Amino acid sequence: MYVLRIEHAVPDYEAWKQAFDGDPLGRGAAGVRAYRVMRPVEDPGRVMIDLDFDERERAERMLTRLWELWSRVTVAVGPQAEITEVVETGQY
């Protein structure tokens, strides 16, 4: 599994959440299997998002599309993103 891990500031979380929920890039059709949205407890003005993919190529395509989207929006400030590969998981 591959995870596209994203982090950026959100000046207005509610506006960002509305845009995220609007799903402008069609996450499901793009191959996203699951997602997680997280906010640091000490800094709720930032979000971290994990998008899970079965295929690296689909994660790469989504990242390209996200960079294009981020160039046009103001709800996400200073985005950083990278694709990671899950090499091990466990539960306790």
C-alpha atoms as a PDB file:
ATOM      1  CA  MET A   1       0.000   0.000   0.000  1.00  0.00           C
ATOM      2  CA  TYR A   2       1.103   3.561  -0.701  1.00  0.00           C
ATOM      3  CA  VAL A   3       0.188   6.608   1.342  1.00  0.00           C
ATOM      4  CA  LEU A   4       0.157  10.123  -0.009  1.00  0.00           C
ATOM      5  CA  ARG A   5       0.905  12.117   3.126  1.00  0.00           C
ATOM      6  CA  ILE A   6      -0.063  15.787   2.990  1.00  0.00           C
ATOM      7  CA  GLU A   7       0.404  18.616   5.476  1.00  0.00           C
ATOM      8  CA  HIS A   8      -0.483  22.280   5.233  1.00  0.00           C
ATOM      9  CA  ALA A   9      -1.792  25.266   7.150  1.00  0.00           C
ATOM     10  CA  VAL A  10      -5.505  26.081   7.058  1.00  0.00           C
ATOM     11  CA  PRO A  11      -6.373  29.700   7.856  1.00  0.00           C
ATOM     12  CA  ASP A  12     -10.068  28.754   8.098  1.00  0.00           C
ATOM     13  CA  TYR A  13     -10.653  25.095   8.968  1.00  0.00           C
ATOM     14  CA  GLU A  14     -14.384  25.185   8.215  1.00  0.00           C
ATOM     15  CA  ALA A  15     -13.779  26.592   4.718  1.00  0.00           C
ATOM     16  CA  TRP A  16     -11.038  24.023   4.135  1.00  0.00           C
ATOM     17  CA  LYS A  17     -13.276  21.185   5.364  1.00  0.00           C
ATOM     18  CA  GLN A  18     -16.078  22.260   3.056  1.00  0.00           C
ATOM     19  CA  ALA A  19     -13.645  22.239   0.104  1.00  0.00           C
ATOM     20  CA  PHE A  20     -12.234  18.845   1.168  1.00  0.00           C
ATOM     21  CA  ASP A  21     -15.718  17.347   1.541  1.00  0.00           C
ATOM     22  CA  GLY A  22     -16.602  18.714  -1.910  1.00  0.00           C
ATOM     23  CA  ASP A  23     -13.959  16.288  -3.230  1.00  0.00           C
ATOM     24  CA  PRO A  24     -12.955  18.368  -6.282  1.00  0.00           C
ATOM     25  CA  LEU A  25     -10.525  15.706  -7.545  1.00  0.00           C
ATOM     26  CA  GLY A  26     -12.802  12.687  -7.084  1.00  0.00           C
ATOM     27  CA  ARG A  27     -10.728  10.742  -4.582  1.00  0.00           C
ATOM     28  CA  GLY A  28     -12.595   7.441  -5.018  1.00  0.00           C
ATOM     29  CA  ALA A  29     -12.372   7.448  -8.807  1.00  0.00           C
ATOM     30  CA  ALA A  30      -8.686   8.406  -8.531  1.00  0.00           C
ATOM     31  CA  GLY A  31      -7.914   5.254  -6.557  1.00  0.00           C
ATOM     32  CA  VAL A  32      -7.997   6.474  -2.957  1.00  0.00           C
ATOM     33  CA  ARG A  33      -8.932   3.463  -0.812  1.00  0.00           C
ATOM     34  CA  ALA A  34      -9.199   5.326   2.501  1.00  0.00           C
ATOM     35  CA  TYR A  35      -8.233   8.654   4.024  1.00  0.00           C
ATOM     36  CA  ARG A  36      -7.446  10.129   7.416  1.00  0.00           C
ATOM     37  CA  VAL A  37      -7.617  13.809   8.386  1.00  0.00           C
ATOM     38  CA  MET A  38      -5.667  14.844  11.466  1.00  0.00           C
ATOM     39  CA  ARG A  39      -5.087  18.129  13.278  1.00  0.00           C
ATOM     40  CA  PRO A  40      -2.218  18.676  15.699  1.00  0.00           C
ATOM     41  CA  VAL A  41      -3.570  19.165  19.216  1.00  0.00           C
ATOM     42  CA  GLU A  42      -1.205  22.068  19.802  1.00  0.00           C
ATOM     43  CA  ASP A  43      -1.765  23.665  16.373  1.00  0.00           C
ATOM     44  CA  PRO A  44      -5.335  23.254  15.045  1.00  0.00           C
ATOM     45  CA  GLY A  45      -4.484  25.689  12.241  1.00  0.00           C
ATOM     46  CA  ARG A  46      -2.777  22.853  10.365  1.00  0.00           C
ATOM     47  CA  VAL A  47      -4.052  19.619   8.892  1.00  0.00           C
ATOM     48  CA  MET A  48      -2.382  16.374   7.974  1.00  0.00           C
ATOM     49  CA  ILE A  49      -4.073  14.067   5.504  1.00  0.00           C
ATOM     50  CA  ASP A  50      -3.197  10.508   4.557  1.00  0.00           C
ATOM     51  CA  LEU A  51      -4.617   9.142   1.311  1.00  0.00           C
ATOM     52  CA  ASP A  52      -4.207   5.365   0.888  1.00  0.00           C
ATOM     53  CA  PHE A  53      -3.641   3.809  -2.544  1.00  0.00           C
ATOM     54  CA  ASP A  54      -3.051   0.281  -3.803  1.00  0.00           C
ATOM     55  CA  GLU A  55      -0.878   1.512  -6.672  1.00  0.00           C
ATOM     56  CA  ARG A  56       2.052   3.928  -6.562  1.00  0.00           C
ATOM     57  CA  GLU A  57       1.227   5.306 -10.016  1.00  0.00           C
ATOM     58  CA  ARG A  58      -2.233   6.392  -8.885  1.00  0.00           C
ATOM     59  CA  ALA A  59      -0.738   8.139  -5.850  1.00  0.00           C
ATOM     60  CA  GLU A  60       1.715   9.931  -8.141  1.00  0.00           C
ATOM     61  CA  ARG A  61      -1.087  11.067 -10.452  1.00  0.00           C
ATOM     62  CA  MET A  62      -3.080  12.369  -7.478  1.00  0.00           C
ATOM     63  CA  LEU A  63      -0.068  14.293  -6.211  1.00  0.00           C
ATOM     64  CA  THR A  64       0.353  15.961  -9.607  1.00  0.00           C
ATOM     65  CA  ARG A  65      -3.328  16.906  -9.628  1.00  0.00           C
ATOM     66  CA  LEU A  66      -3.081  18.235  -6.065  1.00  0.00           C
ATOM     67  CA  TRP A  67      -0.164  20.543  -6.961  1.00  0.00           C
ATOM     68  CA  GLU A  68      -2.303  21.934  -9.788  1.00  0.00           C
ATOM     69  CA  LEU A  69      -5.254  22.427  -7.410  1.00  0.00           C
ATOM     70  CA  TRP A  70      -3.128  24.051  -4.719  1.00  0.00           C
ATOM     71  CA  SER A  71      -1.895  26.634  -7.222  1.00  0.00           C
ATOM     72  CA  ARG A  72      -5.498  27.893  -7.547  1.00  0.00           C
ATOM     73  CA  VAL A  73      -6.865  27.794  -3.973  1.00  0.00           C
ATOM     74  CA  THR A  74      -6.373  29.779  -0.773  1.00  0.00           C
ATOM     75  CA  VAL A  75      -7.749  27.289   1.764  1.00  0.00           C
ATOM     76  CA  ALA A  76      -4.452  25.336   1.856  1.00  0.00           C
ATOM     77  CA  VAL A  77      -1.309  27.307   2.681  1.00  0.00           C
ATOM     78  CA  GLY A  78       2.241  26.002   2.220  1.00  0.00           C
ATOM     79  CA  PRO A  79       1.364  22.433   1.261  1.00  0.00           C
ATOM     80  CA  GLN A  80       3.923  19.693   1.621  1.00  0.00           C
ATOM     81  CA  ALA A  81       3.358  16.181   0.349  1.00  0.00           C
ATOM     82  CA  GLU A  82       5.198  12.949  -0.213  1.00  0.00           C
ATOM     83  CA  ILE A  83       4.376   9.408  -1.218  1.00  0.00           C
ATOM     84  CA  THR A  84       5.340   6.721   1.255  1.00  0.00           C
ATOM     85  CA  GLU A  85       5.188   2.950   1.055  1.00  0.00           C
ATOM     86  CA  VAL A  86       3.726   1.001   3.953  1.00  0.00           C
ATOM     87  CA  VAL A  87       6.298  -1.641   4.820  1.00  0.00           C
ATOM     88  CA  GLU A  88       4.850  -2.891   8.090  1.00  0.00           C
ATOM     89  CA  THR A  89       1.772  -2.460  10.257  1.00  0.00           C
ATOM     90  CA  GLY A  90       0.764  -3.885  13.598  1.00  0.00           C
ATOM     91  CA  GLN A  91      -1.843  -3.614  16.294  1.00  0.00           C
ATOM     92  CA  TYR A  92      -1.809  -4.020  20.062  1.00  0.00           C
END
